[in-house]
Amino acid sequence: MSIIATWIVDFFISMGLVVGGSLFGGLATVLTHTRPPMTTMLNLAGQLKIWAMVATLGGTMDTLRVLEVSLFGLDLGPLARQATYLFAALLGCQAGFLLIKWLAGSEVF
């Protein structure tokens, strides 16, 4: 898979994890009548960002192994590539968070 295709896939996976987790968490509070759904969705969106990044990158061990091998082997190509994948996942998480904030009627910026 090309680097750009991987960026796009990472972006949308992390965005989908944040949006999907928040929406289903909000649905759970609607069904149980325990908390306000919009507040729950906003809280979940903020909490799921880091987990979405970890899940998008396939777990931390593979990423850490590439970082270790490239850093100690003085091969900075894989290190830079992993950094761009991490950045794409971070952008996807933030986009999902902003989408949930917009859906919840909160001020986006």
PDB file of N, CA and C in Angstrom:
ATOM      1  N   MET A   1       0.857  -1.165   0.000  1.00  0.00           N
ATOM      2  CA  MET A   1       0.000   0.000   0.000  1.00  0.00           C
ATOM      3  C   MET A   1       0.908   1.234   0.000  1.00  0.00           C
ATOM      4  N   SER A   2       0.542   2.230  -0.770  1.00  0.00           N
ATOM      5  CA  SER A   2       1.359   3.438  -0.844  1.00  0.00           C
ATOM      6  C   SER A   2       1.217   4.263   0.433  1.00  0.00           C
ATOM      7  N   ILE A   3       2.130   5.179   0.602  1.00  0.00           N
ATOM      8  CA  ILE A   3       2.130   6.003   1.817  1.00  0.00           C
ATOM      9  C   ILE A   3       0.874   6.859   1.894  1.00  0.00           C
ATOM     10  N   ILE A   4       0.476   7.438   0.778  1.00  0.00           N
ATOM     11  CA  ILE A   4      -0.717   8.299   0.778  1.00  0.00           C
ATOM     12  C   ILE A   4      -1.968   7.478   1.088  1.00  0.00           C
ATOM     13  N   ALA A   5      -2.050   6.285   0.535  1.00  0.00           N
ATOM     14  CA  ALA A   5      -3.203   5.426   0.829  1.00  0.00           C
ATOM     15  C   ALA A   5      -3.228   5.067   2.314  1.00  0.00           C
ATOM     16  N   THR A   6      -2.072   4.816   2.890  1.00  0.00           N
ATOM     17  CA  THR A   6      -2.003   4.508   4.322  1.00  0.00           C
ATOM     18  C   THR A   6      -2.407   5.710   5.156  1.00  0.00           C
ATOM     19  N   TRP A   7      -2.004   6.907   4.745  1.00  0.00           N
ATOM     20  CA  TRP A   7      -2.426   8.127   5.454  1.00  0.00           C
ATOM     21  C   TRP A   7      -3.941   8.239   5.461  1.00  0.00           C
ATOM     22  N   ILE A   8      -4.554   8.029   4.301  1.00  0.00           N
ATOM     23  CA  ILE A   8      -6.008   8.170   4.185  1.00  0.00           C
ATOM     24  C   ILE A   8      -6.715   7.123   5.039  1.00  0.00           C
ATOM     25  N   VAL A   9      -6.239   5.889   4.966  1.00  0.00           N
ATOM     26  CA  VAL A   9      -6.846   4.814   5.758  1.00  0.00           C
ATOM     27  C   VAL A   9      -6.695   5.105   7.248  1.00  0.00           C
ATOM     28  N   ASP A  10      -5.502   5.509   7.681  1.00  0.00           N
ATOM     29  CA  ASP A  10      -5.287   5.831   9.100  1.00  0.00           C
ATOM     30  C   ASP A  10      -6.180   6.976   9.554  1.00  0.00           C
ATOM     31  N   PHE A  11      -6.318   8.006   8.724  1.00  0.00           N
ATOM     32  CA  PHE A  11      -7.156   9.153   9.059  1.00  0.00           C
ATOM     33  C   PHE A  11      -8.595   8.703   9.305  1.00  0.00           C
ATOM     34  N   PHE A  12      -9.154   7.940   8.367  1.00  0.00           N
ATOM     35  CA  PHE A  12     -10.559   7.577   8.485  1.00  0.00           C
ATOM     36  C   PHE A  12     -10.816   6.502   9.535  1.00  0.00           C
ATOM     37  N   ILE A  13      -9.858   5.632   9.773  1.00  0.00           N
ATOM     38  CA  ILE A  13     -10.034   4.652  10.855  1.00  0.00           C
ATOM     39  C   ILE A  13     -10.097   5.367  12.199  1.00  0.00           C
ATOM     40  N   SER A  14      -9.155   6.273  12.441  1.00  0.00           N
ATOM     41  CA  SER A  14      -9.160   6.967  13.734  1.00  0.00           C
ATOM     42  C   SER A  14     -10.377   7.867  13.870  1.00  0.00           C
ATOM     43  N   MET A  15     -10.783   8.507  12.796  1.00  0.00           N
ATOM     44  CA  MET A  15     -11.982   9.341  12.837  1.00  0.00           C
ATOM     45  C   MET A  15     -13.216   8.476  13.108  1.00  0.00           C
ATOM     46  N   GLY A  16     -13.302   7.336  12.458  1.00  0.00           N
ATOM     47  CA  GLY A  16     -14.444   6.448  12.646  1.00  0.00           C
ATOM     48  C   GLY A  16     -14.526   5.867  14.046  1.00  0.00           C
ATOM     49  N   LEU A  17     -13.375   5.592  14.643  1.00  0.00           N
ATOM     50  CA  LEU A  17     -13.376   5.081  16.013  1.00  0.00           C
ATOM     51  C   LEU A  17     -13.903   6.118  16.997  1.00  0.00           C
ATOM     52  N   VAL A  18     -13.510   7.364  16.833  1.00  0.00           N
ATOM     53  CA  VAL A  18     -13.974   8.424  17.733  1.00  0.00           C
ATOM     54  C   VAL A  18     -15.464   8.688  17.512  1.00  0.00           C
ATOM     55  N   VAL A  19     -15.864   8.833  16.248  1.00  0.00           N
ATOM     56  CA  VAL A  19     -17.268   9.145  15.950  1.00  0.00           C
ATOM     57  C   VAL A  19     -18.175   7.973  16.325  1.00  0.00           C
ATOM     58  N   GLY A  20     -17.800   6.764  15.928  1.00  0.00           N
ATOM     59  CA  GLY A  20     -18.627   5.597  16.220  1.00  0.00           C
ATOM     60  C   GLY A  20     -18.752   5.323  17.709  1.00  0.00           C
ATOM     61  N   GLY A  21     -17.643   5.392  18.423  1.00  0.00           N
ATOM     62  CA  GLY A  21     -17.683   5.163  19.869  1.00  0.00           C
ATOM     63  C   GLY A  21     -18.523   6.197  20.586  1.00  0.00           C
ATOM     64  N   SER A  22     -18.414   7.439  20.150  1.00  0.00           N
ATOM     65  CA  SER A  22     -19.188   8.508  20.790  1.00  0.00           C
ATOM     66  C   SER A  22     -20.673   8.378  20.495  1.00  0.00           C
ATOM     67  N   LEU A  23     -21.005   8.073  19.249  1.00  0.00           N
ATOM     68  CA  LEU A  23     -22.419   7.940  18.889  1.00  0.00           C
ATOM     69  C   LEU A  23     -23.068   6.752  19.591  1.00  0.00           C
ATOM     70  N   PHE A  24     -22.366   5.630  19.632  1.00  0.00           N
ATOM     71  CA  PHE A  24     -22.940   4.471  20.307  1.00  0.00           C
ATOM     72  C   PHE A  24     -22.991   4.654  21.821  1.00  0.00           C
ATOM     73  N   GLY A  25     -22.030   5.359  22.378  1.00  0.00           N
ATOM     74  CA  GLY A  25     -22.096   5.695  23.796  1.00  0.00           C
ATOM     75  C   GLY A  25     -23.266   6.602  24.103  1.00  0.00           C
ATOM     76  N   GLY A  26     -23.524   7.567  23.217  1.00  0.00           N
ATOM     77  CA  GLY A  26     -24.689   8.435  23.377  1.00  0.00           C
ATOM     78  C   GLY A  26     -25.992   7.655  23.247  1.00  0.00           C
ATOM     79  N   LEU A  27     -26.020   6.703  22.324  1.00  0.00           N
ATOM     80  CA  LEU A  27     -27.199   5.858  22.164  1.00  0.00           C
ATOM     81  C   LEU A  27     -27.451   5.010  23.424  1.00  0.00           C
ATOM     82  N   ALA A  28     -26.382   4.549  24.031  1.00  0.00           N
ATOM     83  CA  ALA A  28     -26.527   3.758  25.262  1.00  0.00           C
ATOM     84  C   ALA A  28     -27.149   4.587  26.376  1.00  0.00           C
ATOM     85  N   THR A  29     -26.772   5.868  26.470  1.00  0.00           N
ATOM     86  CA  THR A  29     -27.370   6.697  27.517  1.00  0.00           C
ATOM     87  C   THR A  29     -28.821   7.038  27.199  1.00  0.00           C
ATOM     88  N   VAL A  30     -29.175   7.078  25.923  1.00  0.00           N
ATOM     89  CA  VAL A  30     -30.586   7.285  25.560  1.00  0.00           C
ATOM     90  C   VAL A  30     -31.402   6.064  25.987  1.00  0.00           C
ATOM     91  N   LEU A  31     -30.853   4.880  25.753  1.00  0.00           N
ATOM     92  CA  LEU A  31     -31.580   3.655  26.088  1.00  0.00           C
ATOM     93  C   LEU A  31     -31.685   3.422  27.591  1.00  0.00           C
ATOM     94  N   THR A  32     -30.690   3.858  28.337  1.00  0.00           N
ATOM     95  CA  THR A  32     -30.693   3.613  29.783  1.00  0.00           C
ATOM     96  C   THR A  32     -31.192   4.796  30.600  1.00  0.00           C
ATOM     97  N   HIS A  33     -31.321   5.946  29.981  1.00  0.00           N
ATOM     98  CA  HIS A  33     -31.779   7.158  30.665  1.00  0.00           C
ATOM     99  C   HIS A  33     -30.919   7.488  31.891  1.00  0.00           C
ATOM    100  N   THR A  34     -29.608   7.327  31.776  1.00  0.00           N
ATOM    101  CA  THR A  34     -28.729   7.551  32.923  1.00  0.00           C
ATOM    102  C   THR A  34     -28.104   8.939  32.937  1.00  0.00           C
ATOM    103  N   ARG A  35     -27.708   9.421  31.781  1.00  0.00           N
ATOM    104  CA  ARG A  35     -27.040  10.718  31.688  1.00  0.00           C
ATOM    105  C   ARG A  35     -27.506  11.431  30.435  1.00  0.00           C
ATOM    106  N   PRO A  36     -27.208  12.717  30.317  1.00  0.00           N
ATOM    107  CA  PRO A  36     -27.543  13.419  29.072  1.00  0.00           C
ATOM    108  C   PRO A  36     -26.686  12.882  27.919  1.00  0.00           C
ATOM    109  N   PRO A  37     -27.303  12.519  26.807  1.00  0.00           N
ATOM    110  CA  PRO A  37     -26.552  11.899  25.715  1.00  0.00           C
ATOM    111  C   PRO A  37     -25.504  12.817  25.090  1.00  0.00           C
ATOM    112  N   MET A  38     -25.807  14.092  24.933  1.00  0.00           N
ATOM    113  CA  MET A  38     -24.846  14.992  24.297  1.00  0.00           C
ATOM    114  C   MET A  38     -23.602  15.185  25.161  1.00  0.00           C
ATOM    115  N   THR A  39     -23.797  15.290  26.460  1.00  0.00           N
ATOM    116  CA  THR A  39     -22.655  15.428  27.364  1.00  0.00           C
ATOM    117  C   THR A  39     -21.806  14.164  27.333  1.00  0.00           C
ATOM    118  N   THR A  40     -22.461  13.034  27.330  1.00  0.00           N
ATOM    119  CA  THR A  40     -21.741  11.762  27.260  1.00  0.00           C
ATOM    120  C   THR A  40     -20.966  11.642  25.962  1.00  0.00           C
ATOM    121  N   MET A  41     -21.582  12.040  24.858  1.00  0.00           N
ATOM    122  CA  MET A  41     -20.901  11.973  23.564  1.00  0.00           C
ATOM    123  C   MET A  41     -19.658  12.852  23.552  1.00  0.00           C
ATOM    124  N   LEU A  42     -19.769  14.051  24.091  1.00  0.00           N
ATOM    125  CA  LEU A  42     -18.613  14.948  24.127  1.00  0.00           C
ATOM    126  C   LEU A  42     -17.501  14.390  25.004  1.00  0.00           C
ATOM    127  N   ASN A  43     -17.866  13.850  26.162  1.00  0.00           N
ATOM    128  CA  ASN A  43     -16.864  13.256  27.054  1.00  0.00           C
ATOM    129  C   ASN A  43     -16.182  12.059  26.403  1.00  0.00           C
ATOM    130  N   LEU A  44     -16.978  11.197  25.777  1.00  0.00           N
ATOM    131  CA  LEU A  44     -16.409  10.026  25.126  1.00  0.00           C
ATOM    132  C   LEU A  44     -15.505  10.400  23.961  1.00  0.00           C
ATOM    133  N   ALA A  45     -15.896  11.407  23.199  1.00  0.00           N
ATOM    134  CA  ALA A  45     -15.075  11.818  22.059  1.00  0.00           C
ATOM    135  C   ALA A  45     -13.697  12.273  22.523  1.00  0.00           C
ATOM    136  N   GLY A  46     -13.650  12.993  23.633  1.00  0.00           N
ATOM    137  CA  GLY A  46     -12.366  13.428  24.166  1.00  0.00           C
ATOM    138  C   GLY A  46     -11.542  12.277  24.717  1.00  0.00           C
ATOM    139  N   GLN A  47     -12.204  11.315  25.344  1.00  0.00           N
ATOM    140  CA  GLN A  47     -11.493  10.195  25.947  1.00  0.00           C
ATOM    141  C   GLN A  47     -11.049   9.155  24.921  1.00  0.00           C
ATOM    142  N   LEU A  48     -11.776   9.044  23.819  1.00  0.00           N
ATOM    143  CA  LEU A  48     -11.465   8.015  22.826  1.00  0.00           C
ATOM    144  C   LEU A  48     -10.357   8.414  21.859  1.00  0.00           C
ATOM    145  N   LYS A  49      -9.935   9.662  21.878  1.00  0.00           N
ATOM    146  CA  LYS A  49      -8.932  10.101  20.899  1.00  0.00           C
ATOM    147  C   LYS A  49      -7.631   9.316  21.018  1.00  0.00           C
ATOM    148  N   ILE A  50      -7.109   9.163  22.204  1.00  0.00           N
ATOM    149  CA  ILE A  50      -5.825   8.466  22.358  1.00  0.00           C
ATOM    150  C   ILE A  50      -5.967   6.988  22.023  1.00  0.00           C
ATOM    151  N   TRP A  51      -7.094   6.380  22.380  1.00  0.00           N
ATOM    152  CA  TRP A  51      -7.297   4.966  22.086  1.00  0.00           C
ATOM    153  C   TRP A  51      -7.491   4.743  20.596  1.00  0.00           C
ATOM    154  N   ALA A  52      -8.104   5.698  19.932  1.00  0.00           N
ATOM    155  CA  ALA A  52      -8.271   5.582  18.481  1.00  0.00           C
ATOM    156  C   ALA A  52      -6.920   5.645  17.778  1.00  0.00           C
ATOM    157  N   MET A  53      -6.013   6.478  18.277  1.00  0.00           N
ATOM    158  CA  MET A  53      -4.685   6.542  17.678  1.00  0.00           C
ATOM    159  C   MET A  53      -3.939   5.232  17.873  1.00  0.00           C
ATOM    160  N   VAL A  54      -4.011   4.651  19.058  1.00  0.00           N
ATOM    161  CA  VAL A  54      -3.334   3.379  19.326  1.00  0.00           C
ATOM    162  C   VAL A  54      -3.917   2.278  18.451  1.00  0.00           C
ATOM    163  N   ALA A  55      -5.237   2.216  18.355  1.00  0.00           N
ATOM    164  CA  ALA A  55      -5.871   1.188  17.538  1.00  0.00           C
ATOM    165  C   ALA A  55      -5.561   1.380  16.054  1.00  0.00           C
ATOM    166  N   THR A  56      -5.514   2.616  15.606  1.00  0.00           N
ATOM    167  CA  THR A  56      -5.234   2.894  14.201  1.00  0.00           C
ATOM    168  C   THR A  56      -3.843   2.437  13.817  1.00  0.00           C
ATOM    169  N   LEU A  57      -2.892   2.654  14.673  1.00  0.00           N
ATOM    170  CA  LEU A  57      -1.519   2.277  14.360  1.00  0.00           C
ATOM    171  C   LEU A  57      -1.254   0.798  14.614  1.00  0.00           C
ATOM    172  N   GLY A  58      -2.261   0.041  14.976  1.00  0.00           N
ATOM    173  CA  GLY A  58      -2.117  -1.397  15.130  1.00  0.00           C
ATOM    174  C   GLY A  58      -1.495  -1.812  16.440  1.00  0.00           C
ATOM    175  N   GLY A  59      -1.645  -1.016  17.433  1.00  0.00           N
ATOM    176  CA  GLY A  59      -1.024  -1.320  18.714  1.00  0.00           C
ATOM    177  C   GLY A  59       0.314  -0.605  18.808  1.00  0.00           C
ATOM    178  N   THR A  60       0.784  -0.429  19.995  1.00  0.00           N
ATOM    179  CA  THR A  60       2.000   0.363  20.167  1.00  0.00           C
ATOM    180  C   THR A  60       3.268  -0.435  19.945  1.00  0.00           C
ATOM    181  N   MET A  61       3.223  -1.738  20.070  1.00  0.00           N
ATOM    182  CA  MET A  61       4.455  -2.516  19.990  1.00  0.00           C
ATOM    183  C   MET A  61       5.080  -2.472  18.598  1.00  0.00           C
ATOM    184  N   ASP A  62       4.274  -2.587  17.543  1.00  0.00           N
ATOM    185  CA  ASP A  62       4.826  -2.513  16.193  1.00  0.00           C
ATOM    186  C   ASP A  62       5.440  -1.146  15.924  1.00  0.00           C
ATOM    187  N   THR A  63       4.757  -0.112  16.337  1.00  0.00           N
ATOM    188  CA  THR A  63       5.262   1.239  16.140  1.00  0.00           C
ATOM    189  C   THR A  63       6.543   1.456  16.930  1.00  0.00           C
ATOM    190  N   LEU A  64       6.559   0.992  18.178  1.00  0.00           N
ATOM    191  CA  LEU A  64       7.763   1.146  18.996  1.00  0.00           C
ATOM    192  C   LEU A  64       8.933   0.345  18.430  1.00  0.00           C
ATOM    193  N   ARG A  65       8.655  -0.810  17.868  1.00  0.00           N
ATOM    194  CA  ARG A  65       9.726  -1.615  17.277  1.00  0.00           C
ATOM    195  C   ARG A  65      10.334  -0.899  16.074  1.00  0.00           C
ATOM    196  N   VAL A  66       9.493  -0.331  15.215  1.00  0.00           N
ATOM    197  CA  VAL A  66      10.000   0.417  14.060  1.00  0.00           C
ATOM    198  C   VAL A  66      10.801   1.624  14.526  1.00  0.00           C
ATOM    199  N   LEU A  67      10.313   2.315  15.548  1.00  0.00           N
ATOM    200  CA  LEU A  67      11.044   3.468  16.069  1.00  0.00           C
ATOM    201  C   LEU A  67      12.401   3.052  16.631  1.00  0.00           C
ATOM    202  N   GLU A  68      12.431   1.942  17.358  1.00  0.00           N
ATOM    203  CA  GLU A  68      13.685   1.483  17.942  1.00  0.00           C
ATOM    204  C   GLU A  68      14.693   1.077  16.864  1.00  0.00           C
ATOM    205  N   VAL A  69      14.242   0.279  15.922  1.00  0.00           N
ATOM    206  CA  VAL A  69      15.146  -0.212  14.881  1.00  0.00           C
ATOM    207  C   VAL A  69      15.667   0.934  14.032  1.00  0.00           C
ATOM    208  N   SER A  70      14.791   1.862  13.670  1.00  0.00           N
ATOM    209  CA  SER A  70      15.234   2.961  12.799  1.00  0.00           C
ATOM    210  C   SER A  70      16.078   3.978  13.553  1.00  0.00           C
ATOM    211  N   LEU A  71      15.774   4.204  14.811  1.00  0.00           N
ATOM    212  CA  LEU A  71      16.538   5.183  15.583  1.00  0.00           C
ATOM    213  C   LEU A  71      17.934   4.662  15.919  1.00  0.00           C
ATOM    214  N   PHE A  72      18.012   3.441  16.435  1.00  0.00           N
ATOM    215  CA  PHE A  72      19.314   2.893  16.808  1.00  0.00           C
ATOM    216  C   PHE A  72      20.098   2.385  15.607  1.00  0.00           C
ATOM    217  N   GLY A  73      19.398   2.104  14.522  1.00  0.00           N
ATOM    218  CA  GLY A  73      20.080   1.695  13.297  1.00  0.00           C
ATOM    219  C   GLY A  73      20.453   2.873  12.413  1.00  0.00           C
ATOM    220  N   LEU A  74      20.142   4.074  12.873  1.00  0.00           N
ATOM    221  CA  LEU A  74      20.424   5.320  12.145  1.00  0.00           C
ATOM    222  C   LEU A  74      19.803   5.338  10.756  1.00  0.00           C
ATOM    223  N   ASP A  75      18.648   4.696  10.612  1.00  0.00           N
ATOM    224  CA  ASP A  75      17.890   4.732   9.367  1.00  0.00           C
ATOM    225  C   ASP A  75      16.641   5.562   9.639  1.00  0.00           C
ATOM    226  N   LEU A  76      16.672   6.815   9.261  1.00  0.00           N
ATOM    227  CA  LEU A  76      15.610   7.741   9.639  1.00  0.00           C
ATOM    228  C   LEU A  76      14.397   7.696   8.708  1.00  0.00           C
ATOM    229  N   GLY A  77      14.466   6.964   7.616  1.00  0.00           N
ATOM    230  CA  GLY A  77      13.326   6.846   6.703  1.00  0.00           C
ATOM    231  C   GLY A  77      12.094   6.247   7.365  1.00  0.00           C
ATOM    232  N   PRO A  78      12.225   5.051   7.953  1.00  0.00           N
ATOM    233  CA  PRO A  78      11.063   4.473   8.635  1.00  0.00           C
ATOM    234  C   PRO A  78      10.568   5.320   9.804  1.00  0.00           C
ATOM    235  N   LEU A  79      11.472   6.004  10.473  1.00  0.00           N
ATOM    236  CA  LEU A  79      11.092   6.876  11.577  1.00  0.00           C
ATOM    237  C   LEU A  79      10.207   8.020  11.076  1.00  0.00           C
ATOM    238  N   ALA A  80      10.599   8.627   9.966  1.00  0.00           N
ATOM    239  CA  ALA A  80       9.803   9.715   9.385  1.00  0.00           C
ATOM    240  C   ALA A  80       8.457   9.200   8.885  1.00  0.00           C
ATOM    241  N   ARG A  81       8.451   8.008   8.296  1.00  0.00           N
ATOM    242  CA  ARG A  81       7.204   7.438   7.797  1.00  0.00           C
ATOM    243  C   ARG A  81       6.240   7.173   8.944  1.00  0.00           C
ATOM    244  N   GLN A  82       6.736   6.607  10.058  1.00  0.00           N
ATOM    245  CA  GLN A  82       5.882   6.361  11.224  1.00  0.00           C
ATOM    246  C   GLN A  82       5.351   7.665  11.807  1.00  0.00           C
ATOM    247  N   ALA A  83       6.180   8.702  11.782  1.00  0.00           N
ATOM    248  CA  ALA A  83       5.733  10.004  12.283  1.00  0.00           C
ATOM    249  C   ALA A  83       4.586  10.545  11.431  1.00  0.00           C
ATOM    250  N   THR A  84       4.641  10.347  10.116  1.00  0.00           N
ATOM    251  CA  THR A  84       3.547  10.826   9.266  1.00  0.00           C
ATOM    252  C   THR A  84       2.281  10.005   9.482  1.00  0.00           C
ATOM    253  N   TYR A  85       2.432   8.696   9.735  1.00  0.00           N
ATOM    254  CA  TYR A  85       1.258   7.880  10.036  1.00  0.00           C
ATOM    255  C   TYR A  85       0.619   8.317  11.354  1.00  0.00           C
ATOM    256  N   LEU A  86       1.455   8.605  12.321  1.00  0.00           N
ATOM    257  CA  LEU A  86       0.965   9.091  13.610  1.00  0.00           C
ATOM    258  C   LEU A  86       0.237  10.423  13.450  1.00  0.00           C
ATOM    259  N   PHE A  87       0.780  11.302  12.610  1.00  0.00           N
ATOM    260  CA  PHE A  87       0.148  12.595  12.374  1.00  0.00           C
ATOM    261  C   PHE A  87      -1.197  12.430  11.671  1.00  0.00           C
ATOM    262  N   ALA A  88      -1.286  11.519  10.703  1.00  0.00           N
ATOM    263  CA  ALA A  88      -2.557  11.277  10.015  1.00  0.00           C
ATOM    264  C   ALA A  88      -3.603  10.744  10.990  1.00  0.00           C
ATOM    265  N   ALA A  89      -3.200   9.847  11.890  1.00  0.00           N
ATOM    266  CA  ALA A  89      -4.129   9.326  12.892  1.00  0.00           C
ATOM    267  C   ALA A  89      -4.564  10.426  13.855  1.00  0.00           C
ATOM    268  N   LEU A  90      -3.637  11.293  14.219  1.00  0.00           N
ATOM    269  CA  LEU A  90      -3.957  12.411  15.102  1.00  0.00           C
ATOM    270  C   LEU A  90      -4.957  13.362  14.452  1.00  0.00           C
ATOM    271  N   LEU A  91      -4.753  13.647  13.171  1.00  0.00           N
ATOM    272  CA  LEU A  91      -5.710  14.502  12.453  1.00  0.00           C
ATOM    273  C   LEU A  91      -7.088  13.857  12.375  1.00  0.00           C
ATOM    274  N   GLY A  92      -7.133  12.553  12.143  1.00  0.00           N
ATOM    275  CA  GLY A  92      -8.414  11.853  12.098  1.00  0.00           C
ATOM    276  C   GLY A  92      -9.137  11.892  13.429  1.00  0.00           C
ATOM    277  N   CYS A  93      -8.406  11.703  14.516  1.00  0.00           N
ATOM    278  CA  CYS A  93      -9.010  11.779  15.852  1.00  0.00           C
ATOM    279  C   CYS A  93      -9.575  13.164  16.112  1.00  0.00           C
ATOM    280  N   GLN A  94      -8.811  14.182  15.754  1.00  0.00           N
ATOM    281  CA  GLN A  94      -9.265  15.551  15.988  1.00  0.00           C
ATOM    282  C   GLN A  94     -10.472  15.885  15.115  1.00  0.00           C
ATOM    283  N   ALA A  95     -10.468  15.408  13.871  1.00  0.00           N
ATOM    284  CA  ALA A  95     -11.617  15.646  12.989  1.00  0.00           C
ATOM    285  C   ALA A  95     -12.867  14.966  13.534  1.00  0.00           C
ATOM    286  N   GLY A  96     -12.725  13.747  14.041  1.00  0.00           N
ATOM    287  CA  GLY A  96     -13.866  13.063  14.652  1.00  0.00           C
ATOM    288  C   GLY A  96     -14.370  13.792  15.883  1.00  0.00           C
ATOM    289  N   PHE A  97     -13.455  14.285  16.701  1.00  0.00           N
ATOM    290  CA  PHE A  97     -13.818  15.037  17.897  1.00  0.00           C
ATOM    291  C   PHE A  97     -14.578  16.312  17.525  1.00  0.00           C
ATOM    292  N   LEU A  98     -14.078  17.029  16.523  1.00  0.00           N
ATOM    293  CA  LEU A  98     -14.752  18.259  16.089  1.00  0.00           C
ATOM    294  C   LEU A  98     -16.111  17.964  15.475  1.00  0.00           C
ATOM    295  N   LEU A  99     -16.244  16.840  14.778  1.00  0.00           N
ATOM    296  CA  LEU A  99     -17.536  16.452  14.214  1.00  0.00           C
ATOM    297  C   LEU A  99     -18.544  16.172  15.324  1.00  0.00           C
ATOM    298  N   ILE A 100     -18.116  15.474  16.372  1.00  0.00           N
ATOM    299  CA  ILE A 100     -19.008  15.199  17.496  1.00  0.00           C
ATOM    300  C   ILE A 100     -19.381  16.499  18.203  1.00  0.00           C
ATOM    301  N   LYS A 101     -18.414  17.392  18.380  1.00  0.00           N
ATOM    302  CA  LYS A 101     -18.733  18.681  18.996  1.00  0.00           C
ATOM    303  C   LYS A 101     -19.762  19.434  18.164  1.00  0.00           C
ATOM    304  N   TRP A 102     -19.626  19.377  16.847  1.00  0.00           N
ATOM    305  CA  TRP A 102     -20.569  20.063  15.965  1.00  0.00           C
ATOM    306  C   TRP A 102     -21.946  19.414  16.051  1.00  0.00           C
ATOM    307  N   LEU A 103     -21.991  18.086  16.058  1.00  0.00           N
ATOM    308  CA  LEU A 103     -23.274  17.376  16.165  1.00  0.00           C
ATOM    309  C   LEU A 103     -23.948  17.631  17.504  1.00  0.00           C
ATOM    310  N   ALA A 104     -23.157  17.790  18.556  1.00  0.00           N
ATOM    311  CA  ALA A 104     -23.717  18.012  19.886  1.00  0.00           C
ATOM    312  C   ALA A 104     -24.148  19.456  20.085  1.00  0.00           C
ATOM    313  N   GLY A 105     -23.840  20.309  19.130  1.00  0.00           N
ATOM    314  CA  GLY A 105     -24.245  21.704  19.223  1.00  0.00           C
ATOM    315  C   GLY A 105     -23.305  22.548  20.045  1.00  0.00           C
ATOM    316  N   SER A 106     -22.146  21.998  20.369  1.00  0.00           N
ATOM    317  CA  SER A 106     -21.156  22.756  21.113  1.00  0.00           C
ATOM    318  C   SER A 106     -20.360  23.617  20.144  1.00  0.00           C
ATOM    319  N   GLU A 107     -19.741  24.656  20.670  1.00  0.00           N
ATOM    320  CA  GLU A 107     -18.933  25.515  19.805  1.00  0.00           C
ATOM    321  C   GLU A 107     -17.710  24.726  19.345  1.00  0.00           C
ATOM    322  N   VAL A 108     -17.470  24.695  18.040  1.00  0.00           N
ATOM    323  CA  VAL A 108     -16.435  23.853  17.483  1.00  0.00           C
ATOM    324  C   VAL A 108     -15.055  24.424  17.746  1.00  0.00           C
ATOM    325  N   PHE A 109     -14.871  25.706  17.607  1.00  0.00           N
ATOM    326  CA  PHE A 109     -13.524  26.275  17.763  1.00  0.00           C
ATOM    327  C   PHE A 109     -13.459  27.191  18.942  1.00  0.00           C
TER     328      PHE A 109
END
